[in-house]
Structure formats: C-alpha cells, structure tokens
Amino acid sequence: MKDLLDIMRKKTDSDGHAPVEFDRIRIGLASPEMIKSWSHGEVKKPETINYRTFKPERDGLFCAKIFGPVKDYECLCGKYKRMKYKGVICEKCGVEVTTAKVRRERMGHIELASPVAHIWFLKSLPSRIGLLLDMTLRDIERVLYFESYVVTDPGMTP
C-alpha cells in the first residue's frame, strides 16, 4: 500500500514520466513546407472504410499506409504479424509494422487545386488579413470568392 501512495504522490502520467513545468508557451504559424514535412502521405480519395471488409480504403481518409496500422504490429494484408517485424514496411500493402497508436499522431495532407485563406485569419476581429493588406473585410471576401481581384503590378494594364 505504501508503494501505491508513493507513486500517486509523484504525479506521473500513464507512461511513467514526470510532468514538465514551463513558464511560457509560444504559438506561431507553420509554413506550407513545414506542414508538408509533418505529413506521411497525400489523401487522394474521400472514402473512409470499405463497407465489405471494414478495412481502411487505400489513399482515403483512414488509409493505413498514410496513418499507420489498424492493429498493433500487423500490416493491413496480414503478411507481417508480431513484434519481431517492427519497423518493416510491407511490400504488398505498404503499411509500416508498428503500434496502432501512431494513427493518433500521424498526419496526411490534401493537395488543393488553388490556394485558400484560413477562416481564422479572415473572420477574426479584427481581420488579420485585412490589417496586413490594409483592406476592408468586405473587399477581401470579394477577392477570395472571385468576385473581384487585386492588381499587384499595374505594368501592362489599361
């Protein structure tokens, strides 16, 4: 019982690590290149799970190749099972043999046809984009929704 009380007093998390104390936190913007570096692959299809097999669709929103295996230490096709194959990437299905917990950490990306503005920077009060460009929110919305345009270099315009 004494050991249990000692463990509870140490205030450790589920992995046995003591919490880290800090004085401040800094939040900043991530560049498109940095966001792509976090990605483990491109999501190309809107499908999630195959209704017949109940397995994630390849290149879909739940793709095992991008986000990791559904079951611990088992590839999607079942060729590699058990912990002895940890880190191996299956030649058949392309899934890395590791814990299923990595699905919570890994990210994918979606390539868009054209650039878009993040709603937080547009609709926040005051509008961050509006302050940066010295434009009204209404004018910026007209540009973003292709009702108007902004000329940055008036070189050959009439």
N, C-alpha and C. Protein backbone atom coordinates (compact mmCIF):
# COMPACT_ATOMS: atom_id res chain seq x y z
N MET A 1 0.83 -1.20 0.00
CA MET A 1 0.00 0.00 0.00
C MET A 1 0.87 1.26 0.00
N LYS A 2 1.98 1.21 0.74
CA LYS A 2 2.88 2.36 0.81
C LYS A 2 3.45 2.69 -0.58
N ASP A 3 3.79 1.65 -1.36
CA ASP A 3 4.31 1.86 -2.71
C ASP A 3 3.30 2.58 -3.59
N LEU A 4 2.04 2.22 -3.47
CA LEU A 4 0.98 2.84 -4.24
C LEU A 4 0.86 4.32 -3.90
N LEU A 5 0.92 4.65 -2.63
CA LEU A 5 0.85 6.05 -2.21
C LEU A 5 2.04 6.85 -2.70
N ASP A 6 3.23 6.25 -2.72
CA ASP A 6 4.42 6.93 -3.24
C ASP A 6 4.27 7.23 -4.73
N ILE A 7 3.71 6.30 -5.46
CA ILE A 7 3.50 6.50 -6.90
C ILE A 7 2.51 7.63 -7.13
N MET A 8 1.45 7.67 -6.35
CA MET A 8 0.43 8.72 -6.52
C MET A 8 0.99 10.09 -6.17
N ARG A 9 1.89 10.18 -5.21
CA ARG A 9 2.46 11.47 -4.82
C ARG A 9 3.40 12.04 -5.88
N LYS A 10 4.03 11.16 -6.67
CA LYS A 10 4.98 11.61 -7.68
C LYS A 10 4.30 12.29 -8.86
N LYS A 11 3.01 12.09 -9.02
CA LYS A 11 2.22 12.70 -10.10
C LYS A 11 2.83 12.43 -11.48
N THR A 12 2.91 11.18 -11.84
CA THR A 12 3.41 10.80 -13.15
C THR A 12 2.25 10.52 -14.09
N ASP A 13 2.52 10.61 -15.39
CA ASP A 13 1.49 10.30 -16.36
C ASP A 13 1.45 8.79 -16.61
N SER A 14 0.65 8.36 -17.57
CA SER A 14 0.45 6.93 -17.82
C SER A 14 1.72 6.22 -18.29
N ASP A 15 2.67 6.95 -18.89
CA ASP A 15 3.92 6.35 -19.35
C ASP A 15 5.00 6.35 -18.27
N GLY A 16 4.69 6.90 -17.09
CA GLY A 16 5.66 6.94 -16.00
C GLY A 16 6.57 8.15 -16.03
N HIS A 17 6.27 9.12 -16.89
CA HIS A 17 7.09 10.33 -16.97
C HIS A 17 6.54 11.41 -16.05
N ALA A 18 7.44 12.13 -15.41
CA ALA A 18 7.02 13.25 -14.56
C ALA A 18 6.60 14.41 -15.45
N PRO A 19 5.62 15.20 -15.03
CA PRO A 19 5.18 16.33 -15.86
C PRO A 19 6.28 17.38 -15.97
N VAL A 20 6.35 18.04 -17.12
CA VAL A 20 7.34 19.08 -17.37
C VAL A 20 6.72 20.42 -17.01
N GLU A 21 7.43 21.18 -16.20
CA GLU A 21 6.95 22.51 -15.84
C GLU A 21 7.57 23.54 -16.79
N PHE A 22 6.79 24.57 -17.13
CA PHE A 22 7.30 25.62 -18.00
C PHE A 22 6.70 26.95 -17.59
N ASP A 23 7.36 28.04 -17.99
CA ASP A 23 6.94 29.39 -17.62
C ASP A 23 6.06 30.04 -18.68
N ARG A 24 6.29 29.70 -19.93
CA ARG A 24 5.54 30.34 -21.01
C ARG A 24 5.42 29.39 -22.19
N ILE A 25 4.53 29.78 -23.10
CA ILE A 25 4.32 29.00 -24.32
C ILE A 25 4.25 29.98 -25.48
N ARG A 26 4.77 29.57 -26.63
CA ARG A 26 4.77 30.43 -27.81
C ARG A 26 4.07 29.70 -28.93
N ILE A 27 3.12 30.37 -29.55
CA ILE A 27 2.36 29.79 -30.66
C ILE A 27 2.65 30.62 -31.90
N GLY A 28 2.95 29.96 -32.99
CA GLY A 28 3.24 30.66 -34.24
C GLY A 28 2.62 29.95 -35.43
N LEU A 29 2.78 30.55 -36.59
CA LEU A 29 2.24 29.98 -37.82
C LEU A 29 3.22 28.98 -38.41
N ALA A 30 2.72 27.93 -38.98
CA ALA A 30 3.55 26.94 -39.67
C ALA A 30 3.48 27.22 -41.17
N SER A 31 4.62 27.18 -41.82
CA SER A 31 4.67 27.41 -43.26
C SER A 31 4.12 26.18 -43.99
N PRO A 32 3.70 26.35 -45.25
CA PRO A 32 3.21 25.20 -46.02
C PRO A 32 4.26 24.09 -46.13
N GLU A 33 5.54 24.47 -46.23
CA GLU A 33 6.61 23.48 -46.32
C GLU A 33 6.73 22.69 -45.02
N MET A 34 6.59 23.38 -43.88
CA MET A 34 6.68 22.71 -42.59
C MET A 34 5.50 21.75 -42.40
N ILE A 35 4.33 22.18 -42.80
CA ILE A 35 3.14 21.33 -42.68
C ILE A 35 3.30 20.08 -43.55
N LYS A 36 3.83 20.24 -44.77
CA LYS A 36 4.05 19.09 -45.64
C LYS A 36 5.09 18.14 -45.07
N SER A 37 6.08 18.69 -44.34
CA SER A 37 7.11 17.83 -43.74
C SER A 37 6.52 16.96 -42.62
N TRP A 38 5.45 17.40 -41.99
CA TRP A 38 4.77 16.61 -40.96
C TRP A 38 3.94 15.49 -41.57
N SER A 39 3.58 15.63 -42.84
CA SER A 39 2.68 14.69 -43.50
C SER A 39 3.37 13.36 -43.79
N HIS A 40 2.61 12.28 -43.68
CA HIS A 40 3.11 10.95 -44.01
C HIS A 40 2.57 10.48 -45.36
N GLY A 41 1.81 11.32 -46.06
CA GLY A 41 1.30 10.96 -47.37
C GLY A 41 0.10 11.81 -47.75
N GLU A 42 -0.25 11.77 -49.03
CA GLU A 42 -1.37 12.57 -49.53
C GLU A 42 -2.66 11.76 -49.53
N VAL A 43 -3.70 12.35 -48.98
CA VAL A 43 -5.04 11.76 -49.02
C VAL A 43 -5.65 12.17 -50.36
N LYS A 44 -5.97 11.17 -51.20
CA LYS A 44 -6.45 11.45 -52.55
C LYS A 44 -7.92 11.11 -52.76
N LYS A 45 -8.50 10.32 -51.85
CA LYS A 45 -9.89 9.88 -52.01
C LYS A 45 -10.70 10.25 -50.77
N PRO A 46 -11.99 10.53 -50.95
CA PRO A 46 -12.83 10.88 -49.80
C PRO A 46 -13.34 9.66 -49.02
N GLU A 47 -13.11 8.45 -49.53
CA GLU A 47 -13.62 7.25 -48.87
C GLU A 47 -12.91 7.02 -47.54
N THR A 48 -13.59 6.36 -46.62
CA THR A 48 -13.02 6.08 -45.31
C THR A 48 -12.76 4.59 -45.14
N ILE A 49 -13.82 3.81 -45.00
CA ILE A 49 -13.69 2.37 -44.74
C ILE A 49 -14.49 1.59 -45.78
N ASN A 50 -13.92 0.48 -46.25
CA ASN A 50 -14.61 -0.40 -47.19
C ASN A 50 -15.75 -1.09 -46.45
N TYR A 51 -16.95 -0.96 -46.97
CA TYR A 51 -18.13 -1.49 -46.27
C TYR A 51 -18.18 -3.02 -46.25
N ARG A 52 -17.45 -3.68 -47.15
CA ARG A 52 -17.45 -5.15 -47.16
C ARG A 52 -16.39 -5.73 -46.21
N THR A 53 -15.18 -5.17 -46.28
CA THR A 53 -14.07 -5.72 -45.50
C THR A 53 -13.86 -5.00 -44.16
N PHE A 54 -14.44 -3.84 -44.01
CA PHE A 54 -14.26 -2.99 -42.84
C PHE A 54 -12.80 -2.57 -42.65
N LYS A 55 -12.03 -2.56 -43.74
CA LYS A 55 -10.64 -2.10 -43.70
C LYS A 55 -10.58 -0.70 -44.30
N PRO A 56 -9.59 0.10 -43.91
CA PRO A 56 -9.46 1.45 -44.46
C PRO A 56 -9.18 1.42 -45.97
N GLU A 57 -9.80 2.34 -46.69
CA GLU A 57 -9.57 2.44 -48.14
C GLU A 57 -8.19 3.02 -48.40
N ARG A 58 -7.50 2.47 -49.41
CA ARG A 58 -6.17 2.97 -49.77
C ARG A 58 -6.28 4.41 -50.29
N ASP A 59 -5.39 5.28 -49.85
CA ASP A 59 -5.35 6.71 -50.19
C ASP A 59 -6.58 7.47 -49.72
N GLY A 60 -7.36 6.88 -48.83
CA GLY A 60 -8.55 7.53 -48.28
C GLY A 60 -8.25 8.22 -46.96
N LEU A 61 -9.30 8.69 -46.32
CA LEU A 61 -9.16 9.46 -45.08
C LEU A 61 -8.67 8.64 -43.90
N PHE A 62 -8.80 7.31 -43.96
CA PHE A 62 -8.31 6.44 -42.88
C PHE A 62 -7.20 5.51 -43.36
N CYS A 63 -6.55 5.82 -44.47
CA CYS A 63 -5.56 4.95 -45.11
C CYS A 63 -4.48 4.47 -44.14
N ALA A 64 -4.28 3.15 -44.10
CA ALA A 64 -3.29 2.56 -43.20
C ALA A 64 -1.86 2.84 -43.67
N LYS A 65 -1.67 3.01 -44.97
CA LYS A 65 -0.34 3.32 -45.50
C LYS A 65 0.11 4.71 -45.03
N ILE A 66 -0.82 5.65 -44.97
CA ILE A 66 -0.51 7.02 -44.55
C ILE A 66 -0.45 7.13 -43.03
N PHE A 67 -1.47 6.64 -42.35
CA PHE A 67 -1.63 6.90 -40.92
C PHE A 67 -1.10 5.80 -40.00
N GLY A 68 -0.85 4.62 -40.54
CA GLY A 68 -0.33 3.53 -39.72
C GLY A 68 -1.30 2.37 -39.62
N PRO A 69 -0.85 1.26 -39.03
CA PRO A 69 -1.67 0.04 -38.98
C PRO A 69 -2.88 0.18 -38.06
N VAL A 70 -3.92 -0.58 -38.37
CA VAL A 70 -5.13 -0.60 -37.56
C VAL A 70 -4.91 -1.46 -36.31
N LYS A 71 -4.18 -2.56 -36.47
CA LYS A 71 -3.87 -3.45 -35.35
C LYS A 71 -2.38 -3.33 -35.01
N ASP A 72 -2.04 -3.47 -33.73
CA ASP A 72 -0.65 -3.40 -33.29
C ASP A 72 0.20 -4.45 -33.98
N TYR A 73 1.33 -3.99 -34.53
CA TYR A 73 2.35 -4.86 -35.13
C TYR A 73 1.78 -5.83 -36.17
N GLU A 74 0.89 -5.31 -37.01
CA GLU A 74 0.31 -6.13 -38.07
C GLU A 74 0.02 -5.24 -39.28
N CYS A 75 0.54 -5.64 -40.44
CA CYS A 75 0.24 -4.87 -41.65
C CYS A 75 -1.20 -5.16 -42.08
N LEU A 76 -1.70 -4.38 -43.02
CA LEU A 76 -3.11 -4.47 -43.41
C LEU A 76 -3.45 -5.80 -44.09
N CYS A 77 -2.53 -6.31 -44.91
CA CYS A 77 -2.82 -7.56 -45.63
C CYS A 77 -2.56 -8.80 -44.77
N GLY A 78 -1.86 -8.64 -43.66
CA GLY A 78 -1.61 -9.77 -42.76
C GLY A 78 -0.33 -10.53 -43.04
N LYS A 79 0.49 -10.05 -43.98
CA LYS A 79 1.73 -10.74 -44.31
C LYS A 79 2.71 -10.70 -43.13
N TYR A 80 2.79 -9.54 -42.47
CA TYR A 80 3.68 -9.39 -41.32
C TYR A 80 2.85 -9.23 -40.05
N LYS A 81 3.04 -10.16 -39.13
CA LYS A 81 2.36 -10.10 -37.84
C LYS A 81 3.41 -10.29 -36.75
N ARG A 82 3.20 -9.72 -35.63
CA ARG A 82 4.03 -9.83 -34.43
C ARG A 82 5.11 -8.75 -34.38
N MET A 83 5.63 -8.60 -33.18
CA MET A 83 6.57 -7.53 -32.86
C MET A 83 7.94 -7.72 -33.51
N LYS A 84 8.28 -8.94 -33.91
CA LYS A 84 9.61 -9.17 -34.49
C LYS A 84 9.79 -8.45 -35.83
N TYR A 85 8.70 -8.04 -36.47
CA TYR A 85 8.76 -7.31 -37.74
C TYR A 85 8.64 -5.79 -37.55
N LYS A 86 8.81 -5.31 -36.33
CA LYS A 86 8.65 -3.88 -36.03
C LYS A 86 9.54 -3.04 -36.96
N GLY A 87 8.95 -2.03 -37.58
CA GLY A 87 9.67 -1.13 -38.47
C GLY A 87 9.70 -1.56 -39.93
N VAL A 88 9.29 -2.79 -40.22
CA VAL A 88 9.28 -3.30 -41.59
C VAL A 88 8.09 -2.70 -42.33
N ILE A 89 8.31 -2.31 -43.59
CA ILE A 89 7.22 -1.82 -44.43
C ILE A 89 6.85 -2.93 -45.40
N CYS A 90 5.61 -3.34 -45.36
CA CYS A 90 5.11 -4.45 -46.18
C CYS A 90 5.20 -4.10 -47.66
N GLU A 91 5.73 -5.03 -48.46
CA GLU A 91 5.86 -4.80 -49.91
C GLU A 91 4.50 -4.87 -50.60
N LYS A 92 3.58 -5.62 -50.03
CA LYS A 92 2.27 -5.85 -50.64
C LYS A 92 1.31 -4.68 -50.41
N CYS A 93 1.16 -4.27 -49.13
CA CYS A 93 0.17 -3.22 -48.82
C CYS A 93 0.80 -1.87 -48.48
N GLY A 94 2.12 -1.83 -48.25
CA GLY A 94 2.81 -0.57 -47.98
C GLY A 94 2.65 -0.03 -46.57
N VAL A 95 2.15 -0.84 -45.64
CA VAL A 95 1.91 -0.39 -44.27
C VAL A 95 3.12 -0.72 -43.40
N GLU A 96 3.54 0.23 -42.57
CA GLU A 96 4.64 0.00 -41.64
C GLU A 96 4.13 -0.82 -40.45
N VAL A 97 4.90 -1.81 -40.05
CA VAL A 97 4.53 -2.66 -38.91
C VAL A 97 4.98 -1.96 -37.63
N THR A 98 4.03 -1.42 -36.89
CA THR A 98 4.29 -0.70 -35.64
C THR A 98 3.01 -0.69 -34.81
N THR A 99 2.99 0.08 -33.75
CA THR A 99 1.80 0.13 -32.90
C THR A 99 0.69 0.92 -33.60
N ALA A 100 -0.54 0.57 -33.30
CA ALA A 100 -1.69 1.27 -33.89
C ALA A 100 -1.83 2.67 -33.30
N LYS A 101 -1.16 2.94 -32.20
CA LYS A 101 -1.23 4.24 -31.54
C LYS A 101 -0.68 5.37 -32.42
N VAL A 102 0.17 5.03 -33.39
CA VAL A 102 0.73 6.06 -34.26
C VAL A 102 -0.34 6.72 -35.12
N ARG A 103 -1.49 6.07 -35.28
CA ARG A 103 -2.59 6.65 -36.06
C ARG A 103 -3.09 7.95 -35.43
N ARG A 104 -2.91 8.10 -34.12
CA ARG A 104 -3.33 9.32 -33.43
C ARG A 104 -2.35 10.46 -33.64
N GLU A 105 -1.12 10.14 -34.02
CA GLU A 105 -0.06 11.14 -34.14
C GLU A 105 0.21 11.55 -35.58
N ARG A 106 0.07 10.62 -36.51
CA ARG A 106 0.45 10.89 -37.90
C ARG A 106 -0.58 11.76 -38.61
N MET A 107 -0.06 12.55 -39.53
CA MET A 107 -0.92 13.44 -40.32
C MET A 107 -0.71 13.17 -41.80
N GLY A 108 -1.74 13.46 -42.57
CA GLY A 108 -1.67 13.41 -44.01
C GLY A 108 -1.96 14.81 -44.53
N HIS A 109 -1.89 14.99 -45.85
CA HIS A 109 -2.23 16.29 -46.43
C HIS A 109 -3.09 16.08 -47.67
N ILE A 110 -3.78 17.14 -48.05
CA ILE A 110 -4.63 17.14 -49.24
C ILE A 110 -4.14 18.26 -50.14
N GLU A 111 -3.77 17.94 -51.38
CA GLU A 111 -3.36 18.96 -52.34
C GLU A 111 -4.62 19.63 -52.90
N LEU A 112 -4.69 20.94 -52.77
CA LEU A 112 -5.84 21.69 -53.27
C LEU A 112 -5.55 22.25 -54.65
N ALA A 113 -6.59 22.48 -55.44
CA ALA A 113 -6.43 22.98 -56.80
C ALA A 113 -5.93 24.42 -56.81
N SER A 114 -6.31 25.20 -55.81
CA SER A 114 -5.86 26.59 -55.72
C SER A 114 -5.66 26.96 -54.25
N PRO A 115 -4.86 27.98 -53.99
CA PRO A 115 -4.63 28.39 -52.60
C PRO A 115 -5.91 28.90 -51.95
N VAL A 116 -6.03 28.70 -50.64
CA VAL A 116 -7.19 29.18 -49.89
C VAL A 116 -6.72 29.97 -48.68
N ALA A 117 -7.59 30.84 -48.17
CA ALA A 117 -7.30 31.62 -46.97
C ALA A 117 -7.93 30.92 -45.77
N HIS A 118 -7.21 30.87 -44.68
CA HIS A 118 -7.73 30.24 -43.46
C HIS A 118 -8.78 31.15 -42.84
N ILE A 119 -9.90 30.58 -42.46
CA ILE A 119 -11.04 31.34 -41.94
C ILE A 119 -10.69 32.10 -40.66
N TRP A 120 -9.78 31.56 -39.84
CA TRP A 120 -9.40 32.24 -38.60
C TRP A 120 -8.73 33.58 -38.87
N PHE A 121 -7.95 33.66 -39.94
CA PHE A 121 -7.26 34.91 -40.27
C PHE A 121 -8.16 35.87 -41.01
N LEU A 122 -9.22 35.36 -41.59
CA LEU A 122 -10.16 36.21 -42.32
C LEU A 122 -11.24 36.77 -41.41
N LYS A 123 -11.90 35.91 -40.66
CA LYS A 123 -13.09 36.29 -39.89
C LYS A 123 -12.81 36.75 -38.46
N SER A 124 -11.58 36.63 -37.98
CA SER A 124 -11.30 37.08 -36.61
C SER A 124 -11.45 38.60 -36.55
N LEU A 125 -11.78 39.09 -35.39
CA LEU A 125 -11.95 40.54 -35.23
C LEU A 125 -10.80 41.11 -34.42
N PRO A 126 -10.01 42.00 -34.95
CA PRO A 126 -10.02 42.48 -36.33
C PRO A 126 -9.42 41.44 -37.28
N SER A 127 -9.78 41.53 -38.55
CA SER A 127 -9.29 40.58 -39.54
C SER A 127 -7.78 40.73 -39.71
N ARG A 128 -7.04 39.63 -39.47
CA ARG A 128 -5.57 39.68 -39.57
C ARG A 128 -5.15 39.96 -41.02
N ILE A 129 -5.83 39.36 -41.97
CA ILE A 129 -5.50 39.59 -43.38
C ILE A 129 -5.82 41.03 -43.75
N GLY A 130 -6.93 41.55 -43.24
CA GLY A 130 -7.30 42.94 -43.51
C GLY A 130 -6.29 43.92 -42.96
N LEU A 131 -5.80 43.67 -41.77
CA LEU A 131 -4.77 44.54 -41.18
C LEU A 131 -3.48 44.48 -41.98
N LEU A 132 -3.11 43.29 -42.41
CA LEU A 132 -1.87 43.10 -43.15
C LEU A 132 -1.92 43.78 -44.52
N LEU A 133 -3.05 43.67 -45.20
CA LEU A 133 -3.19 44.23 -46.55
C LEU A 133 -3.80 45.62 -46.58
N ASP A 134 -4.22 46.12 -45.41
CA ASP A 134 -4.89 47.41 -45.30
C ASP A 134 -6.12 47.47 -46.22
N MET A 135 -6.95 46.42 -46.11
CA MET A 135 -8.18 46.33 -46.89
C MET A 135 -9.33 46.00 -45.94
N THR A 136 -10.54 46.33 -46.37
CA THR A 136 -11.71 46.00 -45.55
C THR A 136 -12.03 44.52 -45.70
N LEU A 137 -12.74 43.98 -44.73
CA LEU A 137 -13.12 42.57 -44.77
C LEU A 137 -13.98 42.28 -45.99
N ARG A 138 -14.85 43.21 -46.33
CA ARG A 138 -15.74 43.03 -47.49
C ARG A 138 -14.93 42.92 -48.79
N ASP A 139 -13.91 43.78 -48.95
CA ASP A 139 -13.08 43.73 -50.15
C ASP A 139 -12.28 42.43 -50.24
N ILE A 140 -11.77 41.99 -49.11
CA ILE A 140 -11.00 40.73 -49.08
C ILE A 140 -11.90 39.55 -49.43
N GLU A 141 -13.11 39.53 -48.89
CA GLU A 141 -14.05 38.45 -49.21
C GLU A 141 -14.39 38.43 -50.69
N ARG A 142 -14.53 39.59 -51.30
CA ARG A 142 -14.83 39.65 -52.73
C ARG A 142 -13.68 39.06 -53.55
N VAL A 143 -12.44 39.30 -53.13
CA VAL A 143 -11.28 38.73 -53.83
C VAL A 143 -11.24 37.21 -53.62
N LEU A 144 -11.46 36.77 -52.39
CA LEU A 144 -11.38 35.34 -52.08
C LEU A 144 -12.48 34.53 -52.76
N TYR A 145 -13.64 35.13 -52.98
CA TYR A 145 -14.75 34.43 -53.63
C TYR A 145 -14.83 34.74 -55.12
N PHE A 146 -13.72 35.26 -55.69
CA PHE A 146 -13.56 35.51 -57.12
C PHE A 146 -14.59 36.47 -57.70
N GLU A 147 -15.08 37.41 -56.89
CA GLU A 147 -15.98 38.44 -57.38
C GLU A 147 -15.19 39.67 -57.83
N SER A 148 -13.97 39.79 -57.35
CA SER A 148 -13.11 40.92 -57.64
C SER A 148 -11.66 40.42 -57.67
N TYR A 149 -10.73 41.30 -57.99
CA TYR A 149 -9.33 40.91 -57.99
C TYR A 149 -8.47 42.08 -57.55
N VAL A 150 -7.22 41.77 -57.20
CA VAL A 150 -6.27 42.79 -56.77
C VAL A 150 -5.12 42.80 -57.76
N VAL A 151 -4.78 43.98 -58.26
CA VAL A 151 -3.66 44.13 -59.18
C VAL A 151 -2.43 44.48 -58.35
N THR A 152 -1.42 43.62 -58.41
CA THR A 152 -0.19 43.88 -57.65
C THR A 152 0.87 44.59 -58.48
N ASP A 153 0.84 44.39 -59.82
CA ASP A 153 1.79 45.05 -60.71
C ASP A 153 1.00 45.62 -61.89
N PRO A 154 0.73 46.94 -61.89
CA PRO A 154 -0.11 47.53 -62.94
C PRO A 154 0.62 47.75 -64.26
N GLY A 155 1.73 47.09 -64.51
CA GLY A 155 2.58 47.27 -65.69
C GLY A 155 1.85 47.41 -67.01
N MET A 156 1.15 46.39 -67.50
CA MET A 156 0.54 46.40 -68.83
C MET A 156 -0.97 46.60 -68.80
N THR A 157 -1.54 46.99 -67.66
CA THR A 157 -2.99 47.17 -67.58
C THR A 157 -3.40 48.50 -68.21
N PRO A 158 -4.60 48.55 -68.81
CA PRO A 158 -5.06 49.80 -69.45
C PRO A 158 -5.52 50.83 -68.44
